[in-house]
Amino acid sequence: MIPRKLDQYLYMLCGIDRRLEKFENLFTLPGGVSYNSYFLDDEKTLLLDSIDQAVAEGFMAALEGLLQARDLDILVCHHAEPDHCATIVDLMAKYPKCQLYVSALGYKLLQQFHPQIDYSEDRLVLIDESTKLTTGKHQFSFVKAANVHWPEVFFSYEETTGTLFSADAFGSFGAPAGYIYADQCAYEQDWLDESRRYYCNIVGRQGAAVQTALQKARELEIKRICPVHGLVLRKPEDLSLMLDKYDRWSRYVAEDKGTVIVYGSMYNHSADLADSLAAYLADQEAGCIRVYDVSKTNPSYIIADLFRFSHAVFICNNYNTELYPQMDALLRELMMLNWDNHAYSLVGNMSWGGRGLKIAEEILSKGKNLSRIEEEFTIKSSPKQADLESAQALAQAIASHMQEDV
């Protein structure tokens, strides 16, 4: 691991893992992931966050090289999840004079994950929003960001450089390829989709908490954001872009007009219906269209597009008289993530008795501000001509609703 110099005093220690197949063993990672830690070389040496065990060896060697036989004075733990605190065990053992700055709840969680750490009183500083930390030329304050995305999370703000160390906020799936700044890449083209997928699936449930954190961030003069995953943001346009995206995502407001069609299909009959509906939507020029097989695509991609686009259609098969299992799981996950402020329709597919459509209705009834477009219908086994006419009518209703919602 090569330390990347961000300014005269600050270094980024970026651990890259392209071998990990699923983040949190849930979300596929075709582009890998990075784990970012930051080292401040001031009168006091300071490390902001630890790192995942998968990249620990290179991280410890890089840090030792930066310290040049000095002690590590301070370690700040913004977030106690293991991908950012796994090497705290090694750090606290290797540097016995190091003080650990962590929130009270973060301390409790660290004890649960790592009871073997030396937590003696002279090594522990429990932070809150009144805590100030001076390292010499740099002054840090701490910003409570509870539930973004765990309840113990704090940000830290370095006042002389205007740097926000944002824990998981403003992070992304994907591993950097050399460049570490958003402005060095085609960020909107190559990174924004993975930033959205990361937010919606990791943080998405906590919209109200994110709004609270954003309000606090607006009171700061932010010139740089250093997250624990992904790229560093430093240009005003990139900072503005991501602050705006987080505002929209956390209010569950669609970014673009369009329809996400999601189906489950054992013998391609629901798939045929989905593609027919997509064609009718295209005839209406009704915004962007995405079609997903819920059994094939990792749900994280579907969920990201359901956040992004204004409308959704769920084609709900019966299965063993219940709702098709992968569709059931997707809808429940959507409600767990508080998906809201969108429009949707339900289409059923049954061969004999069952309550798949009813279950989908019950799940989605938990949404607070969802609009249901009522041009809905149920096919029996395979779509017939009358069903295609119903699909065409649904496409027209969706297109009209989009126009009304402009």
Protein backbone atom coordinates (compact mmCIF):
# COMPACT_ATOMS: atom_id res chain seq x y z
CA MET A 1 0.00 0.00 0.00
CA ILE A 2 1.42 3.37 -1.05
CA PRO A 3 0.45 6.36 1.15
CA ARG A 4 -1.15 9.03 -1.03
CA LYS A 5 -0.30 12.60 -0.04
CA LEU A 6 -3.35 14.88 0.06
CA ASP A 7 -1.55 17.96 1.38
CA GLN A 8 1.56 18.88 3.35
CA TYR A 9 0.34 17.01 6.43
CA LEU A 10 -2.43 14.59 5.40
CA TYR A 11 -2.04 11.16 3.79
CA MET A 12 -4.63 8.71 2.55
CA LEU A 13 -4.04 5.02 3.23
CA CYS A 14 -6.24 3.32 0.64
CA GLY A 15 -6.60 -0.43 0.95
CA ILE A 16 -7.97 -1.94 -2.27
CA ASP A 17 -9.78 -5.28 -2.36
CA ARG A 18 -10.81 -6.47 -5.82
CA ARG A 19 -11.18 -10.08 -4.70
CA LEU A 20 -14.14 -9.51 -2.39
CA GLU A 21 -17.25 -10.74 -4.20
CA LYS A 22 -19.96 -9.31 -1.93
CA PHE A 23 -19.88 -6.33 0.42
CA GLU A 24 -21.32 -7.39 3.79
CA ASN A 25 -21.84 -10.73 2.03
CA LEU A 26 -24.89 -9.17 0.32
CA PHE A 27 -24.01 -6.65 -2.39
CA THR A 28 -22.03 -7.76 -5.44
CA LEU A 29 -18.77 -5.94 -6.14
CA PRO A 30 -17.78 -6.22 -9.79
CA GLY A 31 -15.35 -3.32 -9.31
CA GLY A 32 -14.13 -4.27 -5.85
CA VAL A 33 -14.06 -1.87 -2.93
CA SER A 34 -11.60 0.38 -1.10
CA TYR A 35 -11.10 0.92 2.62
CA ASN A 36 -9.74 4.39 3.38
CA SER A 37 -7.86 5.55 6.44
CA TYR A 38 -6.20 8.96 6.87
CA PHE A 39 -2.95 9.84 8.62
CA LEU A 40 -2.13 13.36 9.83
CA ASP A 41 1.58 14.08 10.36
CA ASP A 42 1.42 16.99 12.79
CA GLU A 43 3.02 17.74 16.16
CA LYS A 44 0.84 14.88 17.32
CA THR A 45 0.47 11.97 14.93
CA LEU A 46 -3.14 11.16 14.23
CA LEU A 47 -4.88 8.28 12.43
CA LEU A 48 -8.48 8.71 11.35
CA ASP A 49 -10.08 5.25 11.28
CA SER A 50 -8.57 1.82 11.09
CA ILE A 51 -9.08 -0.56 8.18
CA ASP A 52 -10.42 -3.97 7.17
CA GLN A 53 -8.47 -7.10 8.04
CA ALA A 54 -8.30 -8.07 4.34
CA VAL A 55 -5.81 -5.23 3.69
CA ALA A 56 -4.26 -5.04 7.15
CA GLU A 57 -0.73 -6.14 6.28
CA GLY A 58 -0.10 -3.42 3.72
CA PHE A 59 -1.84 -0.85 5.90
CA MET A 60 0.30 -1.54 8.96
CA ALA A 61 3.49 -1.41 6.88
CA ALA A 62 2.48 1.88 5.23
CA LEU A 63 1.62 3.46 8.57
CA GLU A 64 4.92 2.33 10.07
CA GLY A 65 6.74 3.95 7.16
CA LEU A 66 4.94 7.25 7.71
CA LEU A 67 5.66 7.24 11.44
CA GLN A 68 9.39 6.63 10.92
CA ALA A 69 9.90 5.03 14.33
CA ARG A 70 7.66 7.58 16.11
CA ASP A 71 4.64 6.69 18.21
CA LEU A 72 1.11 6.97 16.98
CA ASP A 73 -0.42 9.48 19.39
CA ILE A 74 -4.12 9.42 18.55
CA LEU A 75 -6.54 7.09 16.77
CA VAL A 76 -10.03 8.37 15.94
CA CYS A 77 -12.76 5.78 15.41
CA HIS A 78 -15.69 7.42 13.63
CA HIS A 79 -17.56 4.16 13.12
CA ALA A 80 -17.16 0.79 14.87
CA GLU A 81 -18.09 -1.52 12.00
CA PRO A 82 -15.39 -4.18 11.46
CA ASP A 83 -14.40 -3.00 7.97
CA HIS A 84 -13.13 0.18 9.66
CA CYS A 85 -12.01 -1.05 13.05
CA ALA A 86 -10.60 -4.55 12.53
CA THR A 87 -6.98 -3.43 12.85
CA ILE A 88 -7.59 -1.37 16.00
CA VAL A 89 -6.50 -4.47 17.91
CA ASP A 90 -3.09 -4.40 16.21
CA LEU A 91 -2.74 -0.62 16.45
CA MET A 92 -3.48 -0.38 20.15
CA ALA A 93 -1.06 -3.22 20.86
CA LYS A 94 1.72 -1.89 18.64
CA TYR A 95 1.47 1.70 19.91
CA PRO A 96 0.83 1.44 23.69
CA LYS A 97 0.77 5.23 24.22
CA CYS A 98 -1.91 5.78 21.57
CA GLN A 99 -5.17 7.37 22.76
CA LEU A 100 -8.42 6.15 21.25
CA TYR A 101 -11.08 8.79 20.48
CA VAL A 102 -14.50 7.19 20.08
CA SER A 103 -18.12 7.89 20.99
CA ALA A 104 -19.63 6.26 24.06
CA LEU A 105 -21.79 3.94 21.96
CA GLY A 106 -18.87 3.28 19.61
CA TYR A 107 -16.83 2.24 22.65
CA LYS A 108 -19.55 -0.22 23.65
CA LEU A 109 -19.63 -1.72 20.16
CA LEU A 110 -15.84 -1.96 20.00
CA GLN A 111 -15.90 -3.92 23.26
CA GLN A 112 -18.41 -6.29 21.69
CA PHE A 113 -16.30 -6.84 18.58
CA HIS A 114 -12.84 -6.57 20.18
CA PRO A 115 -12.85 -7.30 23.93
CA GLN A 116 -9.09 -7.95 23.83
CA ILE A 117 -8.15 -4.27 23.27
CA ASP A 118 -6.59 -2.33 26.15
CA TYR A 119 -9.37 0.13 27.02
CA SER A 120 -7.73 1.57 30.14
CA GLU A 121 -8.91 5.06 31.12
CA ASP A 122 -5.66 6.81 30.23
CA ARG A 123 -5.99 5.56 26.63
CA LEU A 124 -9.66 6.33 26.07
CA VAL A 125 -11.34 9.63 25.19
CA LEU A 126 -15.13 9.47 24.77
CA ILE A 127 -16.11 12.11 22.25
CA ASP A 128 -19.25 14.16 21.84
CA GLU A 129 -20.06 17.35 19.95
CA SER A 130 -18.33 19.47 22.61
CA THR A 131 -15.01 17.65 22.16
CA LYS A 132 -12.12 19.56 20.58
CA LEU A 133 -8.88 18.01 19.43
CA THR A 134 -5.72 19.96 18.62
CA THR A 135 -2.80 18.18 17.00
CA GLY A 136 -0.58 21.25 16.57
CA LYS A 137 -1.46 23.09 13.38
CA HIS A 138 -4.84 21.39 13.05
CA GLN A 139 -8.04 21.72 15.05
CA PHE A 140 -10.76 19.07 14.99
CA SER A 141 -14.37 19.21 16.11
CA PHE A 142 -16.81 16.31 16.07
CA VAL A 143 -20.24 16.08 14.48
CA LYS A 144 -22.73 13.50 15.67
CA ALA A 145 -24.16 11.61 12.69
CA ALA A 146 -26.26 9.00 14.46
CA ASN A 147 -27.73 6.35 12.14
CA VAL A 148 -25.66 7.36 9.13
CA HIS A 149 -25.72 4.42 8.97
CA TRP A 150 -25.02 2.90 12.43
CA PRO A 151 -26.20 4.68 15.59
CA GLU A 152 -22.72 5.43 16.98
CA VAL A 153 -21.35 7.28 13.95
CA PHE A 154 -19.53 10.62 14.27
CA PHE A 155 -17.95 12.77 11.57
CA SER A 156 -14.94 14.92 12.31
CA TYR A 157 -14.25 18.34 10.80
CA GLU A 158 -10.76 19.79 10.51
CA GLU A 159 -11.18 23.54 10.67
CA THR A 160 -7.95 24.86 9.11
CA THR A 161 -8.38 22.91 5.85
CA GLY A 162 -12.17 22.60 5.80
CA THR A 163 -11.95 18.81 5.60
CA LEU A 164 -14.89 16.63 6.59
CA PHE A 165 -13.98 13.06 7.52
CA SER A 166 -17.37 11.55 6.81
CA ALA A 167 -17.15 7.88 7.80
CA ASP A 168 -19.44 5.87 5.47
CA ALA A 169 -21.27 8.94 4.18
CA PHE A 170 -20.38 9.98 0.59
CA GLY A 171 -18.71 6.61 0.05
CA SER A 172 -19.02 4.27 -2.90
CA PHE A 173 -18.57 0.75 -4.08
CA GLY A 174 -15.67 0.34 -6.49
CA ALA A 175 -11.90 0.42 -6.15
CA PRO A 176 -9.86 3.38 -7.42
CA ALA A 177 -7.51 2.72 -10.32
CA GLY A 178 -4.64 5.02 -9.41
CA TYR A 179 -6.57 8.28 -9.17
CA ILE A 180 -8.04 9.06 -5.74
CA TYR A 181 -9.90 12.33 -6.41
CA ALA A 182 -13.36 12.48 -7.98
CA ASP A 183 -12.25 15.28 -10.30
CA GLN A 184 -9.50 13.09 -11.76
CA CYS A 185 -12.10 10.67 -13.13
CA ALA A 186 -15.27 10.78 -15.20
CA TYR A 187 -17.09 10.73 -11.87
CA GLU A 188 -20.71 10.99 -13.00
CA GLN A 189 -20.13 8.45 -15.76
CA ASP A 190 -17.97 5.90 -13.94
CA TRP A 191 -18.71 6.34 -10.22
CA LEU A 192 -22.12 7.89 -9.59
CA ASP A 193 -24.12 4.70 -10.17
CA GLU A 194 -21.98 2.84 -7.64
CA SER A 195 -22.23 5.74 -5.18
CA ARG A 196 -26.01 5.61 -5.54
CA ARG A 197 -26.09 1.81 -5.15
CA TYR A 198 -23.90 2.12 -2.07
CA TYR A 199 -26.10 4.81 -0.51
CA CYS A 200 -29.47 3.22 -1.27
CA ASN A 201 -28.53 -0.19 0.08
CA ILE A 202 -26.21 0.74 2.95
CA VAL A 203 -27.62 4.03 4.22
CA GLY A 204 -30.98 4.26 2.43
CA ARG A 205 -33.19 3.36 5.39
CA GLN A 206 -31.91 6.33 7.38
CA GLY A 207 -33.24 9.24 5.33
CA ALA A 208 -34.30 11.33 8.33
CA ALA A 209 -30.92 10.86 10.01
CA VAL A 210 -29.12 11.82 6.80
CA GLN A 211 -31.22 14.99 6.58
CA THR A 212 -30.15 15.88 10.13
CA ALA A 213 -26.49 15.28 9.27
CA LEU A 214 -26.79 17.35 6.08
CA GLN A 215 -28.20 20.26 8.06
CA LYS A 216 -25.15 20.15 10.32
CA ALA A 217 -22.87 19.91 7.28
CA ARG A 218 -24.41 23.04 5.78
CA GLU A 219 -23.15 24.98 8.79
CA LEU A 220 -19.55 24.02 7.98
CA GLU A 221 -17.26 25.46 5.34
CA ILE A 222 -16.50 22.16 3.61
CA LYS A 223 -13.65 22.24 1.10
CA ARG A 224 -12.89 18.54 1.04
CA ILE A 225 -14.70 15.31 1.96
CA CYS A 226 -12.71 12.21 2.89
CA PRO A 227 -14.93 9.11 3.11
CA VAL A 228 -13.90 5.62 4.22
CA HIS A 229 -14.84 4.06 0.86
CA GLY A 230 -14.27 5.43 -2.63
CA LEU A 231 -12.85 8.75 -3.81
CA VAL A 232 -11.99 12.03 -2.11
CA LEU A 233 -14.15 15.02 -3.08
CA ARG A 234 -12.40 18.39 -3.35
CA LYS A 235 -13.80 20.42 -6.27
CA PRO A 236 -16.81 22.66 -5.53
CA GLU A 237 -18.82 21.05 -8.32
CA ASP A 238 -18.22 17.53 -6.97
CA LEU A 239 -19.02 18.57 -3.42
CA SER A 240 -22.20 20.27 -4.62
CA LEU A 241 -23.18 17.24 -6.72
CA MET A 242 -22.91 14.75 -3.88
CA LEU A 243 -24.50 17.00 -1.26
CA ASP A 244 -27.44 17.47 -3.65
CA LYS A 245 -27.66 13.73 -4.38
CA TYR A 246 -27.64 12.88 -0.67
CA ASP A 247 -30.37 15.43 -0.13
CA ARG A 248 -32.56 13.89 -2.85
CA TRP A 249 -31.82 10.28 -1.91
CA SER A 250 -32.52 10.89 1.77
CA ARG A 251 -35.86 12.52 0.90
CA TYR A 252 -36.63 9.56 -1.41
CA VAL A 253 -37.19 11.94 -4.31
CA ALA A 254 -36.73 10.45 -7.77
CA GLU A 255 -33.84 11.82 -9.81
CA ASP A 256 -35.24 10.94 -13.25
CA LYS A 257 -38.51 10.21 -14.96
CA GLY A 258 -38.70 6.55 -15.83
CA THR A 259 -40.11 3.13 -15.02
CA VAL A 260 -38.44 0.14 -13.43
CA ILE A 261 -40.21 -3.10 -14.37
CA VAL A 262 -39.41 -5.99 -12.06
CA TYR A 263 -40.64 -9.54 -12.62
CA GLY A 264 -40.08 -13.09 -11.53
CA SER A 265 -40.63 -15.76 -14.16
CA MET A 266 -40.21 -19.52 -14.16
CA TYR A 267 -41.17 -20.16 -17.77
CA ASN A 268 -40.71 -16.70 -19.31
CA HIS A 269 -44.41 -15.77 -19.44
CA SER A 270 -44.01 -12.90 -16.96
CA ALA A 271 -40.80 -11.98 -18.79
CA ASP A 272 -42.76 -11.70 -22.04
CA LEU A 273 -45.29 -9.48 -20.33
CA ALA A 274 -42.52 -7.26 -18.88
CA ASP A 275 -40.95 -6.77 -22.30
CA SER A 276 -44.34 -6.04 -23.87
CA LEU A 277 -45.03 -3.41 -21.22
CA ALA A 278 -41.57 -1.92 -21.83
CA ALA A 279 -42.36 -1.65 -25.55
CA TYR A 280 -45.67 0.09 -24.85
CA LEU A 281 -43.90 2.54 -22.50
CA ALA A 282 -41.36 3.23 -25.23
CA ASP A 283 -44.22 3.95 -27.65
CA GLN A 284 -45.40 6.55 -25.14
CA GLU A 285 -41.85 7.97 -24.85
CA ALA A 286 -42.34 7.65 -21.10
CA GLY A 287 -38.84 8.37 -19.83
CA CYS A 288 -36.15 5.82 -19.13
CA ILE A 289 -37.06 2.13 -18.88
CA ARG A 290 -35.32 -0.59 -16.88
CA VAL A 291 -36.40 -4.25 -16.94
CA TYR A 292 -35.11 -6.65 -14.26
CA ASP A 293 -35.50 -10.36 -13.56
CA VAL A 294 -35.65 -10.42 -9.78
CA SER A 295 -34.17 -13.94 -9.69
CA LYS A 296 -31.11 -13.05 -11.75
CA THR A 297 -30.02 -9.54 -10.78
CA ASN A 298 -28.55 -8.77 -7.37
CA PRO A 299 -31.27 -6.79 -5.55
CA SER A 300 -28.86 -3.92 -4.84
CA TYR A 301 -28.96 -2.87 -8.52
CA ILE A 302 -32.75 -3.04 -8.68
CA ILE A 303 -33.11 -1.06 -5.46
CA ALA A 304 -30.73 1.65 -6.69
CA ASP A 305 -32.83 2.13 -9.83
CA LEU A 306 -36.06 2.04 -7.84
CA PHE A 307 -34.67 4.97 -5.84
CA ARG A 308 -33.49 6.73 -8.99
CA PHE A 309 -36.56 6.51 -11.25
CA SER A 310 -40.04 7.84 -10.60
CA HIS A 311 -42.22 4.81 -11.39
CA ALA A 312 -42.17 1.07 -10.85
CA VAL A 313 -44.16 -1.95 -11.98
CA PHE A 314 -43.90 -5.21 -10.05
CA ILE A 315 -45.15 -8.31 -11.87
CA CYS A 316 -46.04 -10.65 -9.03
CA ASN A 317 -46.24 -14.39 -9.62
CA ASN A 318 -47.95 -16.78 -7.30
CA TYR A 319 -45.64 -19.49 -6.02
CA ASN A 320 -46.92 -22.31 -3.79
CA THR A 321 -50.01 -20.10 -3.33
CA GLU A 322 -47.79 -17.29 -1.93
CA LEU A 323 -45.76 -14.48 -3.55
CA TYR A 324 -42.75 -15.49 -5.63
CA PRO A 325 -39.96 -15.65 -2.97
CA GLN A 326 -37.45 -13.30 -4.60
CA MET A 327 -40.17 -10.71 -5.26
CA ASP A 328 -41.37 -11.06 -1.69
CA ALA A 329 -37.83 -10.46 -0.43
CA LEU A 330 -37.28 -7.46 -2.72
CA LEU A 331 -40.48 -5.72 -1.67
CA ARG A 332 -39.79 -6.31 2.01
CA GLU A 333 -36.28 -4.93 1.60
CA LEU A 334 -37.69 -1.85 -0.14
CA MET A 335 -39.98 -1.20 2.80
CA MET A 336 -37.12 -1.83 5.24
CA LEU A 337 -35.20 0.89 3.35
CA ASN A 338 -38.21 3.25 3.66
CA TRP A 339 -38.65 3.59 -0.12
CA ASP A 340 -41.16 6.37 -0.55
CA ASN A 341 -42.38 9.28 -2.73
CA HIS A 342 -42.59 7.13 -5.86
CA ALA A 343 -45.42 5.71 -7.97
CA TYR A 344 -45.99 2.02 -8.59
CA SER A 345 -48.32 -0.54 -10.13
CA LEU A 346 -48.85 -4.22 -9.43
CA VAL A 347 -49.58 -6.87 -12.04
CA GLY A 348 -50.46 -10.42 -11.05
CA ASN A 349 -49.72 -13.78 -12.64
CA MET A 350 -51.48 -16.91 -11.37
CA SER A 351 -52.29 -20.36 -12.70
CA TRP A 352 -54.61 -21.38 -9.85
CA GLY A 353 -55.56 -20.10 -6.40
CA GLY A 354 -53.07 -18.00 -4.48
CA ARG A 355 -52.53 -14.70 -2.75
CA GLY A 356 -49.28 -13.43 -4.30
CA LEU A 357 -50.77 -10.11 -5.40
CA LYS A 358 -52.48 -9.65 -2.05
CA ILE A 359 -49.16 -10.20 -0.23
CA ALA A 360 -47.46 -7.60 -2.46
CA GLU A 361 -50.23 -5.13 -1.65
CA GLU A 362 -49.85 -5.78 2.08
CA ILE A 363 -46.08 -5.25 1.95
CA LEU A 364 -46.24 -2.01 -0.03
CA SER A 365 -49.07 -0.64 2.10
CA LYS A 366 -46.36 0.21 4.66
CA GLY A 367 -45.10 3.02 2.44
CA LYS A 368 -46.17 6.48 3.62
CA ASN A 369 -46.22 8.50 0.41
CA LEU A 370 -46.38 5.97 -2.40
CA SER A 371 -48.80 6.60 -5.27
CA ARG A 372 -50.49 3.57 -6.78
CA ILE A 373 -51.50 3.71 -10.43
CA GLU A 374 -54.70 1.69 -10.61
CA GLU A 375 -54.63 0.45 -14.23
CA GLU A 376 -53.70 -3.00 -12.93
CA PHE A 377 -54.60 -6.50 -14.02
CA THR A 378 -53.81 -10.19 -13.50
CA ILE A 379 -52.89 -12.70 -16.18
CA LYS A 380 -53.53 -16.41 -15.94
CA SER A 381 -50.37 -18.36 -16.73
CA SER A 382 -49.45 -16.50 -19.94
CA PRO A 383 -50.38 -13.14 -21.48
CA LYS A 384 -53.28 -13.20 -23.95
CA GLN A 385 -54.36 -10.49 -26.34
CA ALA A 386 -56.65 -8.93 -23.73
CA ASP A 387 -53.73 -8.87 -21.29
CA LEU A 388 -51.54 -7.07 -23.82
CA GLU A 389 -54.28 -4.49 -24.26
CA SER A 390 -54.32 -4.08 -20.46
CA ALA A 391 -50.54 -3.63 -20.50
CA GLN A 392 -50.91 -0.96 -23.16
CA ALA A 393 -53.50 0.85 -21.03
CA LEU A 394 -51.16 0.65 -18.02
CA ALA A 395 -48.34 2.15 -20.07
CA GLN A 396 -50.60 5.02 -21.08
CA ALA A 397 -51.62 5.59 -17.45
CA ILE A 398 -47.97 5.65 -16.33
CA ALA A 399 -47.04 8.09 -19.09
CA SER A 400 -49.96 10.37 -18.15
CA HIS A 401 -48.98 10.24 -14.48
CA MET A 402 -45.42 11.22 -15.37
CA GLN A 403 -46.69 14.25 -17.25
CA GLU A 404 -48.93 15.27 -14.36
CA ASP A 405 -46.01 14.94 -11.96
CA VAL A 406 -43.65 17.23 -13.93
